Amino acid sequence: ADLSLGEALRLAVAALGSGDGSASRSIEAAQLEVAVLERD
């Protein structure tokens, strides 16, 4: 629950890169679409 924004995005990108069932792949920032709902 206490993840920072950077930690949350790195976790999400790591999960997206492991979806093919083989070795994890790195995804560049240009290949991602990311948005946030900021509480403040």
Full PDB file with SEQRES, HELIX, SHEET, SSBOND, CRYST1, ORIGX, SCALE, CONECT and MASTER records, all heavy atoms in Angstrom:
SEQRES   1 A   40  ALA ASP LEU SER LEU GLY GLU ALA LEU ARG LEU ALA VAL          
SEQRES   2 A   40  ALA ALA LEU GLY SER GLY ASP GLY SER ALA SER ARG SER          
SEQRES   3 A   40  ILE GLU ALA ALA GLN LEU GLU VAL ALA VAL LEU GLU ARG          
SEQRES   4 A   40  ASP                                                          
HELIX    1 AA1 LEU A    5  GLY A   17  1                                  13    
HELIX    2 AA2 ALA A   29  GLN A   31  5                                   3    
CRYST1    1.000    1.000    1.000  90.00  90.00  90.00 P 1           1          
ORIGX1      1.000000  0.000000  0.000000        0.00000                         
ORIGX2      0.000000  1.000000  0.000000        0.00000                         
ORIGX3      0.000000  0.000000  1.000000        0.00000                         
SCALE1      1.000000  0.000000  0.000000        0.00000                         
SCALE2      0.000000  1.000000  0.000000        0.00000                         
SCALE3      0.000000  0.000000  1.000000        0.00000                         
ATOM      1  N   ALA A   1       0.808  -1.222   0.000  1.00  0.00           N  
ATOM      2  CA  ALA A   1       0.000   0.000   0.000  1.00  0.00           C  
ATOM      3  C   ALA A   1       0.836   1.265   0.000  1.00  0.00           C  
ATOM      4  O   ALA A   1       0.370   2.306  -0.465  1.00  0.00           O  
ATOM      5  CB  ALA A   1      -0.947   0.001   1.206  1.00  0.00           C  
ATOM      6  N   ASP A   2       2.058   1.224   0.511  1.00  0.00           N  
ATOM      7  CA  ASP A   2       2.867   2.430   0.642  1.00  0.00           C  
ATOM      8  C   ASP A   2       3.881   2.590  -0.478  1.00  0.00           C  
ATOM      9  O   ASP A   2       4.918   3.228  -0.293  1.00  0.00           O  
ATOM     10  CB  ASP A   2       3.586   2.442   1.992  1.00  0.00           C  
ATOM     11  CG  ASP A   2       4.491   1.233   2.169  1.00  0.00           C  
ATOM     12  OD1 ASP A   2       4.354   0.269   1.377  1.00  0.00           O  
ATOM     13  OD2 ASP A   2       5.339   1.249   3.086  1.00  0.00           O  
ATOM     14  N   LEU A   3       3.619   2.043  -1.641  1.00  0.00           N  
ATOM     15  CA  LEU A   3       4.524   2.202  -2.771  1.00  0.00           C  
ATOM     16  C   LEU A   3       4.583   3.658  -3.216  1.00  0.00           C  
ATOM     17  O   LEU A   3       3.571   4.363  -3.225  1.00  0.00           O  
ATOM     18  CB  LEU A   3       4.070   1.341  -3.950  1.00  0.00           C  
ATOM     19  CG  LEU A   3       4.256  -0.175  -3.858  1.00  0.00           C  
ATOM     20  CD1 LEU A   3       3.617  -0.843  -5.063  1.00  0.00           C  
ATOM     21  CD2 LEU A   3       5.729  -0.535  -3.780  1.00  0.00           C  
ATOM     22  N   SER A   4       5.757   4.111  -3.600  1.00  0.00           N  
ATOM     23  CA  SER A   4       5.877   5.413  -4.243  1.00  0.00           C  
ATOM     24  C   SER A   4       5.478   5.281  -5.709  1.00  0.00           C  
ATOM     25  O   SER A   4       5.310   4.170  -6.234  1.00  0.00           O  
ATOM     26  CB  SER A   4       7.304   5.946  -4.112  1.00  0.00           C  
ATOM     27  OG  SER A   4       8.195   5.120  -4.834  1.00  0.00           O  
ATOM     28  N   LEU A   5       5.359   6.419  -6.393  1.00  0.00           N  
ATOM     29  CA  LEU A   5       4.964   6.372  -7.801  1.00  0.00           C  
ATOM     30  C   LEU A   5       6.006   5.655  -8.639  1.00  0.00           C  
ATOM     31  O   LEU A   5       5.667   4.828  -9.502  1.00  0.00           O  
ATOM     32  CB  LEU A   5       4.743   7.795  -8.325  1.00  0.00           C  
ATOM     33  CG  LEU A   5       4.370   7.918  -9.810  1.00  0.00           C  
ATOM     34  CD1 LEU A   5       3.120   7.112 -10.132  1.00  0.00           C  
ATOM     35  CD2 LEU A   5       4.181   9.376 -10.201  1.00  0.00           C  
ATOM     36  N   GLY A   6       7.294   5.940  -8.411  1.00  0.00           N  
ATOM     37  CA  GLY A   6       8.338   5.262  -9.170  1.00  0.00           C  
ATOM     38  C   GLY A   6       8.344   3.770  -8.929  1.00  0.00           C  
ATOM     39  O   GLY A   6       8.486   2.971  -9.872  1.00  0.00           O  
ATOM     40  N   GLU A   7       8.182   3.344  -7.688  1.00  0.00           N  
ATOM     41  CA  GLU A   7       8.154   1.910  -7.387  1.00  0.00           C  
ATOM     42  C   GLU A   7       6.935   1.237  -8.004  1.00  0.00           C  
ATOM     43  O   GLU A   7       7.028   0.114  -8.516  1.00  0.00           O  
ATOM     44  CB  GLU A   7       8.153   1.715  -5.872  1.00  0.00           C  
ATOM     45  CG  GLU A   7       9.447   2.136  -5.184  1.00  0.00           C  
ATOM     46  CD  GLU A   7       9.340   2.104  -3.676  1.00  0.00           C  
ATOM     47  OE1 GLU A   7       8.194   2.136  -3.158  1.00  0.00           O  
ATOM     48  OE2 GLU A   7      10.388   2.046  -3.009  1.00  0.00           O  
ATOM     49  N   ALA A   8       5.795   1.907  -7.976  1.00  0.00           N  
ATOM     50  CA  ALA A   8       4.591   1.330  -8.568  1.00  0.00           C  
ATOM     51  C   ALA A   8       4.733   1.162 -10.079  1.00  0.00           C  
ATOM     52  O   ALA A   8       4.352   0.130 -10.641  1.00  0.00           O  
ATOM     53  CB  ALA A   8       3.378   2.208  -8.244  1.00  0.00           C  
ATOM     54  N   LEU A   9       5.305   2.158 -10.743  1.00  0.00           N  
ATOM     55  CA  LEU A   9       5.474   2.061 -12.193  1.00  0.00           C  
ATOM     56  C   LEU A   9       6.501   1.002 -12.566  1.00  0.00           C  
ATOM     57  O   LEU A   9       6.320   0.275 -13.553  1.00  0.00           O  
ATOM     58  CB  LEU A   9       5.878   3.424 -12.751  1.00  0.00           C  
ATOM     59  CG  LEU A   9       4.817   4.529 -12.658  1.00  0.00           C  
ATOM     60  CD1 LEU A   9       5.324   5.807 -13.281  1.00  0.00           C  
ATOM     61  CD2 LEU A   9       3.522   4.089 -13.320  1.00  0.00           C  
ATOM     62  N   ARG A  10       7.583   0.899 -11.801  1.00  0.00           N  
ATOM     63  CA  ARG A  10       8.566  -0.143 -12.099  1.00  0.00           C  
ATOM     64  C   ARG A  10       7.978  -1.535 -11.899  1.00  0.00           C  
ATOM     65  O   ARG A  10       8.265  -2.464 -12.667  1.00  0.00           O  
ATOM     66  CB  ARG A  10       9.799   0.051 -11.215  1.00  0.00           C  
ATOM     67  CG  ARG A  10      10.678   1.214 -11.660  1.00  0.00           C  
ATOM     68  CD  ARG A  10      12.023   1.180 -10.959  1.00  0.00           C  
ATOM     69  NE  ARG A  10      11.897   1.461  -9.542  1.00  0.00           N  
ATOM     70  CZ  ARG A  10      11.924   2.688  -9.018  1.00  0.00           C  
ATOM     71  NH1 ARG A  10      12.068   3.733  -9.814  1.00  0.00           N  
ATOM     72  NH2 ARG A  10      11.815   2.883  -7.720  1.00  0.00           N  
ATOM     73  N   LEU A  11       7.123  -1.688 -10.887  1.00  0.00           N  
ATOM     74  CA  LEU A  11       6.451  -2.968 -10.689  1.00  0.00           C  
ATOM     75  C   LEU A  11       5.503  -3.277 -11.848  1.00  0.00           C  
ATOM     76  O   LEU A  11       5.463  -4.411 -12.351  1.00  0.00           O  
ATOM     77  CB  LEU A  11       5.691  -2.941  -9.366  1.00  0.00           C  
ATOM     78  CG  LEU A  11       4.829  -4.167  -9.043  1.00  0.00           C  
ATOM     79  CD1 LEU A  11       5.683  -5.423  -8.972  1.00  0.00           C  
ATOM     80  CD2 LEU A  11       4.070  -3.953  -7.743  1.00  0.00           C  
ATOM     81  N   ALA A  12       4.748  -2.285 -12.295  1.00  0.00           N  
ATOM     82  CA  ALA A  12       3.811  -2.494 -13.402  1.00  0.00           C  
ATOM     83  C   ALA A  12       4.543  -2.832 -14.691  1.00  0.00           C  
ATOM     84  O   ALA A  12       4.143  -3.746 -15.425  1.00  0.00           O  
ATOM     85  CB  ALA A  12       2.942  -1.252 -13.585  1.00  0.00           C  
ATOM     86  N   VAL A  13       5.624  -2.123 -14.985  1.00  0.00           N  
ATOM     87  CA  VAL A  13       6.375  -2.374 -16.220  1.00  0.00           C  
ATOM     88  C   VAL A  13       7.050  -3.738 -16.165  1.00  0.00           C  
ATOM     89  O   VAL A  13       7.117  -4.460 -17.165  1.00  0.00           O  
ATOM     90  CB  VAL A  13       7.393  -1.244 -16.453  1.00  0.00           C  
ATOM     91  CG1 VAL A  13       8.296  -1.564 -17.630  1.00  0.00           C  
ATOM     92  CG2 VAL A  13       6.670   0.069 -16.696  1.00  0.00           C  
ATOM     93  N   ALA A  14       7.571  -4.113 -14.997  1.00  0.00           N  
ATOM     94  CA  ALA A  14       8.176  -5.444 -14.866  1.00  0.00           C  
ATOM     95  C   ALA A  14       7.139  -6.538 -15.092  1.00  0.00           C  
ATOM     96  O   ALA A  14       7.432  -7.568 -15.715  1.00  0.00           O  
ATOM     97  CB  ALA A  14       8.819  -5.581 -13.491  1.00  0.00           C  
ATOM     98  N   ALA A  15       5.922  -6.338 -14.596  1.00  0.00           N  
ATOM     99  CA  ALA A  15       4.869  -7.327 -14.819  1.00  0.00           C  
ATOM    100  C   ALA A  15       4.475  -7.392 -16.293  1.00  0.00           C  
ATOM    101  O   ALA A  15       4.289  -8.482 -16.838  1.00  0.00           O  
ATOM    102  CB  ALA A  15       3.650  -6.984 -13.961  1.00  0.00           C  
ATOM    103  N   LEU A  16       4.371  -6.245 -16.952  1.00  0.00           N  
ATOM    104  CA  LEU A  16       4.035  -6.246 -18.374  1.00  0.00           C  
ATOM    105  C   LEU A  16       5.109  -6.925 -19.206  1.00  0.00           C  
ATOM    106  O   LEU A  16       4.815  -7.577 -20.212  1.00  0.00           O  
ATOM    107  CB  LEU A  16       3.828  -4.807 -18.857  1.00  0.00           C  
ATOM    108  CG  LEU A  16       2.607  -4.057 -18.309  1.00  0.00           C  
ATOM    109  CD1 LEU A  16       2.634  -2.604 -18.740  1.00  0.00           C  
ATOM    110  CD2 LEU A  16       1.316  -4.719 -18.766  1.00  0.00           C  
ATOM    111  N   GLY A  17       6.373  -6.782 -18.795  1.00  0.00           N  
ATOM    112  CA  GLY A  17       7.459  -7.410 -19.539  1.00  0.00           C  
ATOM    113  C   GLY A  17       7.568  -8.901 -19.330  1.00  0.00           C  
ATOM    114  O   GLY A  17       8.259  -9.580 -20.103  1.00  0.00           O  
ATOM    115  N   SER A  18       6.906  -9.440 -18.325  1.00  0.00           N  
ATOM    116  CA  SER A  18       6.975 -10.874 -18.064  1.00  0.00           C  
ATOM    117  C   SER A  18       5.751 -11.620 -18.576  1.00  0.00           C  
ATOM    118  O   SER A  18       5.535 -12.775 -18.234  1.00  0.00           O  
ATOM    119  CB  SER A  18       7.094 -11.119 -16.548  1.00  0.00           C  
ATOM    120  OG  SER A  18       5.934 -10.649 -15.875  1.00  0.00           O  
ATOM    121  N   GLY A  19       4.974 -10.999 -19.427  1.00  0.00           N  
ATOM    122  CA  GLY A  19       3.724 -11.612 -19.861  1.00  0.00           C  
ATOM    123  C   GLY A  19       3.854 -12.634 -20.947  1.00  0.00           C  
ATOM    124  O   GLY A  19       2.919 -13.379 -21.205  1.00  0.00           O  
ATOM    125  N   ASP A  20       5.017 -12.729 -21.625  1.00  0.00           N  
ATOM    126  CA  ASP A  20       5.131 -13.680 -22.722  1.00  0.00           C  
ATOM    127  C   ASP A  20       5.476 -15.085 -22.262  1.00  0.00           C  
ATOM    128  O   ASP A  20       5.606 -16.004 -23.067  1.00  0.00           O  
ATOM    129  CB  ASP A  20       6.192 -13.206 -23.729  1.00  0.00           C  
ATOM    130  CG  ASP A  20       7.532 -12.936 -23.065  1.00  0.00           C  
ATOM    131  OD1 ASP A  20       7.618 -13.106 -21.842  1.00  0.00           O  
ATOM    132  OD2 ASP A  20       8.476 -12.561 -23.789  1.00  0.00           O  
ATOM    133  N   GLY A  21       5.690 -15.297 -20.955  1.00  0.00           N  
ATOM    134  CA  GLY A  21       5.974 -16.625 -20.443  1.00  0.00           C  
ATOM    135  C   GLY A  21       7.422 -17.020 -20.492  1.00  0.00           C  
ATOM    136  O   GLY A  21       7.823 -18.005 -19.876  1.00  0.00           O  
ATOM    137  N   SER A  22       8.267 -16.294 -21.205  1.00  0.00           N  
ATOM    138  CA  SER A  22       9.693 -16.591 -21.280  1.00  0.00           C  
ATOM    139  C   SER A  22      10.440 -15.635 -20.365  1.00  0.00           C  
ATOM    140  O   SER A  22       9.899 -15.139 -19.391  1.00  0.00           O  
ATOM    141  CB  SER A  22      10.180 -16.483 -22.725  1.00  0.00           C  
ATOM    142  OG  SER A  22       9.945 -15.180 -23.229  1.00  0.00           O  
ATOM    143  N   ALA A  23      11.708 -15.381 -20.698  1.00  0.00           N  
ATOM    144  CA  ALA A  23      12.505 -14.458 -19.893  1.00  0.00           C  
ATOM    145  C   ALA A  23      11.898 -13.061 -19.954  1.00  0.00           C  
ATOM    146  O   ALA A  23      11.320 -12.648 -20.964  1.00  0.00           O  
ATOM    147  CB  ALA A  23      13.945 -14.433 -20.391  1.00  0.00           C  
ATOM    148  N   SER A  24      12.067 -12.323 -18.879  1.00  0.00           N  
ATOM    149  CA  SER A  24      11.505 -10.977 -18.810  1.00  0.00           C  
ATOM    150  C   SER A  24      12.174 -10.080 -19.831  1.00  0.00           C  
ATOM    151  O   SER A  24      13.386 -10.151 -20.056  1.00  0.00           O  
ATOM    152  CB  SER A  24      11.691 -10.408 -17.397  1.00  0.00           C  
ATOM    153  OG  SER A  24      11.025 -11.217 -16.453  1.00  0.00           O  
ATOM    154  N   ARG A  25      11.403  -9.220 -20.421  1.00  0.00           N  
ATOM    155  CA  ARG A  25      11.925  -8.267 -21.400  1.00  0.00           C  
ATOM    156  C   ARG A  25      11.720  -6.860 -20.866  1.00  0.00           C  
ATOM    157  O   ARG A  25      10.785  -6.586 -20.120  1.00  0.00           O  
ATOM    158  CB  ARG A  25      11.224  -8.423 -22.746  1.00  0.00           C  
ATOM    159  CG  ARG A  25       9.726  -8.240 -22.679  1.00  0.00           C  
ATOM    160  CD  ARG A  25       9.039  -8.628 -23.980  1.00  0.00           C  
ATOM    161  NE  ARG A  25       7.594  -8.502 -23.871  1.00  0.00           N  
ATOM    162  CZ  ARG A  25       6.924  -7.389 -24.167  1.00  0.00           C  
ATOM    163  NH1 ARG A  25       7.567  -6.317 -24.607  1.00  0.00           N  
ATOM    164  NH2 ARG A  25       5.612  -7.343 -24.041  1.00  0.00           N  
ATOM    165  N   SER A  26      12.604  -5.975 -21.275  1.00  0.00           N  
ATOM    166  CA  SER A  26      12.495  -4.581 -20.860  1.00  0.00           C  
ATOM    167  C   SER A  26      11.668  -3.809 -21.872  1.00  0.00           C  
ATOM    168  O   SER A  26      11.800  -4.011 -23.083  1.00  0.00           O  
ATOM    169  CB  SER A  26      13.895  -3.947 -20.735  1.00  0.00           C  
ATOM    170  OG  SER A  26      14.566  -4.004 -21.984  1.00  0.00           O  
ATOM    171  N   ILE A  27      10.827  -2.928 -21.373  1.00  0.00           N  
ATOM    172  CA  ILE A  27       9.954  -2.114 -22.228  1.00  0.00           C  
ATOM    173  C   ILE A  27      10.404  -0.671 -22.107  1.00  0.00           C  
ATOM    174  O   ILE A  27      10.504  -0.126 -20.998  1.00  0.00           O  
ATOM    175  CB  ILE A  27       8.477  -2.263 -21.824  1.00  0.00           C  
ATOM    176  CG1 ILE A  27       8.074  -3.745 -21.820  1.00  0.00           C  
ATOM    177  CG2 ILE A  27       7.585  -1.477 -22.758  1.00  0.00           C  
ATOM    178  CD1 ILE A  27       6.658  -3.984 -21.347  1.00  0.00           C  
ATOM    179  N   GLU A  28      10.679  -0.033 -23.233  1.00  0.00           N  
ATOM    180  CA  GLU A  28      11.118   1.356 -23.236  1.00  0.00           C  
ATOM    181  C   GLU A  28       9.951   2.279 -22.898  1.00  0.00           C  
ATOM    182  O   GLU A  28       8.776   1.940 -23.066  1.00  0.00           O  
ATOM    183  CB  GLU A  28      11.704   1.726 -24.603  1.00  0.00           C  
ATOM    184  CG  GLU A  28      12.891   0.884 -25.022  1.00  0.00           C  
ATOM    185  CD  GLU A  28      14.085   1.098 -24.120  1.00  0.00           C  
ATOM    186  OE1 GLU A  28      14.190   2.198 -23.535  1.00  0.00           O  
ATOM    187  OE2 GLU A  28      14.918   0.184 -23.988  1.00  0.00           O  
ATOM    188  N   ALA A  29      10.311   3.475 -22.419  1.00  0.00           N  
ATOM    189  CA  ALA A  29       9.282   4.449 -22.054  1.00  0.00           C  
ATOM    190  C   ALA A  29       8.454   4.871 -23.267  1.00  0.00           C  
ATOM    191  O   ALA A  29       7.272   5.190 -23.123  1.00  0.00           O  
ATOM    192  CB  ALA A  29       9.935   5.669 -21.413  1.00  0.00           C  
ATOM    193  N   ALA A  30       9.069   4.873 -24.463  1.00  0.00           N  
ATOM    194  CA  ALA A  30       8.330   5.276 -25.664  1.00  0.00           C  
ATOM    195  C   ALA A  30       7.248   4.270 -26.043  1.00  0.00           C  
ATOM    196  O   ALA A  30       6.334   4.601 -26.813  1.00  0.00           O  
ATOM    197  CB  ALA A  30       9.297   5.465 -26.834  1.00  0.00           C  
ATOM    198  N   GLN A  31       7.317   3.042 -25.524  1.00  0.00           N  
ATOM    199  CA  GLN A  31       6.337   2.016 -25.851  1.00  0.00           C  
ATOM    200  C   GLN A  31       5.228   1.900 -24.812  1.00  0.00           C  
ATOM    201  O   GLN A  31       4.389   1.003 -24.902  1.00  0.00           O  
ATOM    202  CB  GLN A  31       7.044   0.656 -25.968  1.00  0.00           C  
ATOM    203  CG  GLN A  31       8.171   0.627 -26.979  1.00  0.00           C  
ATOM    204  CD  GLN A  31       7.686   0.868 -28.389  1.00  0.00           C  
ATOM    205  OE1 GLN A  31       6.650   0.337 -28.791  1.00  0.00           O  
ATOM    206  NE2 GLN A  31       8.420   1.658 -29.148  1.00  0.00           N  
ATOM    207  N   LEU A  32       5.206   2.810 -23.839  1.00  0.00           N  
ATOM    208  CA  LEU A  32       4.262   2.711 -22.743  1.00  0.00           C  
ATOM    209  C   LEU A  32       3.267   3.868 -22.764  1.00  0.00           C  
ATOM    210  O   LEU A  32       3.584   4.969 -23.229  1.00  0.00           O  
ATOM    211  CB  LEU A  32       5.002   2.730 -21.400  1.00  0.00           C  
ATOM    212  CG  LEU A  32       5.894   1.520 -21.093  1.00  0.00           C  
ATOM    213  CD1 LEU A  32       6.755   1.804 -19.879  1.00  0.00           C  
ATOM    214  CD2 LEU A  32       5.063   0.270 -20.872  1.00  0.00           C  
ATOM    215  N   GLU A  33       2.095   3.585 -22.264  1.00  0.00           N  
ATOM    216  CA  GLU A  33       1.092   4.613 -21.994  1.00  0.00           C  
ATOM    217  C   GLU A  33       0.790   4.563 -20.499  1.00  0.00           C  
ATOM    218  O   GLU A  33       0.352   3.534 -19.982  1.00  0.00           O  
ATOM    219  CB  GLU A  33      -0.183   4.374 -22.792  1.00  0.00           C  
ATOM    220  CG  GLU A  33      -1.263   5.419 -22.529  1.00  0.00           C  
ATOM    221  CD  GLU A  33      -2.559   5.117 -23.236  1.00  0.00           C  
ATOM    222  OE1 GLU A  33      -2.625   4.113 -23.975  1.00  0.00           O  
ATOM    223  OE2 GLU A  33      -3.535   5.893 -23.032  1.00  0.00           O  
ATOM    224  N   VAL A  34       1.065   5.649 -19.807  1.00  0.00           N  
ATOM    225  CA  VAL A  34       0.954   5.686 -18.356  1.00  0.00           C  
ATOM    226  C   VAL A  34       0.204   6.950 -17.956  1.00  0.00           C  
ATOM    227  O   VAL A  34       0.451   8.035 -18.498  1.00  0.00           O  
ATOM    228  CB  VAL A  34       2.341   5.655 -17.675  1.00  0.00           C  
ATOM    229  CG1 VAL A  34       2.196   5.767 -16.161  1.00  0.00           C  
ATOM    230  CG2 VAL A  34       3.081   4.379 -18.039  1.00  0.00           C  
ATOM    231  N   ALA A  35      -0.697   6.811 -17.006  1.00  0.00           N  
ATOM    232  CA  ALA A  35      -1.425   7.953 -16.439  1.00  0.00           C  
ATOM    233  C   ALA A  35      -1.668   7.680 -14.960  1.00  0.00           C  
ATOM    234  O   ALA A  35      -1.597   6.530 -14.504  1.00  0.00           O  
ATOM    235  CB  ALA A  35      -2.741   8.183 -17.169  1.00  0.00           C  
ATOM    236  N   VAL A  36      -1.936   8.740 -14.227  1.00  0.00           N  
ATOM    237  CA  VAL A  36      -2.158   8.610 -12.788  1.00  0.00           C  
ATOM    238  C   VAL A  36      -3.340   9.482 -12.378  1.00  0.00           C  
ATOM    239  O   VAL A  36      -3.653  10.497 -13.013  1.00  0.00           O  
ATOM    240  CB  VAL A  36      -0.905   9.030 -11.979  1.00  0.00           C  
ATOM    241  CG1 VAL A  36       0.232   8.069 -12.207  1.00  0.00           C  
ATOM    242  CG2 VAL A  36      -0.482  10.449 -12.315  1.00  0.00           C  
ATOM    243  N   LEU A  37      -4.002   9.044 -11.312  1.00  0.00           N  
ATOM    244  CA  LEU A  37      -4.970   9.864 -10.581  1.00  0.00           C  
ATOM    245  C   LEU A  37      -4.283  10.288  -9.291  1.00  0.00           C  
ATOM    246  O   LEU A  37      -4.074   9.466  -8.388  1.00  0.00           O  
ATOM    247  CB  LEU A  37      -6.238   9.073 -10.284  1.00  0.00           C  
ATOM    248  CG  LEU A  37      -7.195   8.809 -11.445  1.00  0.00           C  
ATOM    249  CD1 LEU A  37      -8.305   7.862 -11.013  1.00  0.00           C  
ATOM    250  CD2 LEU A  37      -7.785  10.093 -11.985  1.00  0.00           C  
ATOM    251  N   GLU A  38      -3.899  11.552  -9.201  1.00  0.00           N  
ATOM    252  CA  GLU A  38      -3.128  12.043  -8.058  1.00  0.00           C  
ATOM    253  C   GLU A  38      -4.076  12.574  -6.976  1.00  0.00           C  
ATOM    254  O   GLU A  38      -4.933  13.413  -7.252  1.00  0.00           O  
ATOM    255  CB  GLU A  38      -2.152  13.129  -8.500  1.00  0.00           C  
ATOM    256  CG  GLU A  38      -1.056  12.608  -9.407  1.00  0.00           C  
ATOM    257  CD  GLU A  38      -0.069  13.675  -9.798  1.00  0.00           C  
ATOM    258  OE1 GLU A  38      -0.468  14.849  -9.884  1.00  0.00           O  
ATOM    259  OE2 GLU A  38       1.098  13.328 -10.031  1.00  0.00           O  
ATOM    260  N   ARG A  39      -3.848  12.112  -5.789  1.00  0.00           N  
ATOM    261  CA  ARG A  39      -4.733  12.446  -4.679  1.00  0.00           C  
ATOM    262  C   ARG A  39      -4.644  13.928  -4.294  1.00  0.00           C  
ATOM    263  O   ARG A  39      -5.624  14.529  -3.853  1.00  0.00           O  
ATOM    264  CB  ARG A  39      -4.372  11.573  -3.469  1.00  0.00           C  
ATOM    265  CG  ARG A  39      -5.458  11.508  -2.411  1.00  0.00           C  
ATOM    266  CD  ARG A  39      -5.010  10.678  -1.218  1.00  0.00           C  
ATOM    267  NE  ARG A  39      -4.296   9.477  -1.590  1.00  0.00           N  
ATOM    268  CZ  ARG A  39      -4.880   8.350  -1.986  1.00  0.00           C  
ATOM    269  NH1 ARG A  39      -6.198   8.303  -2.045  1.00  0.00           N  
ATOM    270  NH2 ARG A  39      -4.163   7.298  -2.312  1.00  0.00           N  
ATOM    271  N   ASP A  40      -3.469  14.530  -4.435  1.00  0.00           N  
ATOM    272  CA  ASP A  40      -3.240  15.889  -3.947  1.00  0.00           C  
ATOM    273  C   ASP A  40      -3.655  16.973  -4.937  1.00  0.00           C  
ATOM    274  O   ASP A  40      -3.592  18.155  -4.596  1.00  0.00           O  
ATOM    275  CB  ASP A  40      -1.756  16.080  -3.598  1.00  0.00           C  
ATOM    276  CG  ASP A  40      -1.320  15.179  -2.456  1.00  0.00           C  
ATOM    277  OD1 ASP A  40      -2.194  14.793  -1.651  1.00  0.00           O  
ATOM    278  OD2 ASP A  40      -0.127  14.843  -2.368  1.00  0.00           O  
TER     279      ASP A  40                                                      
MASTER        0    0    0    2    0    0    0    6  278    1    0    4          
END                                                                             
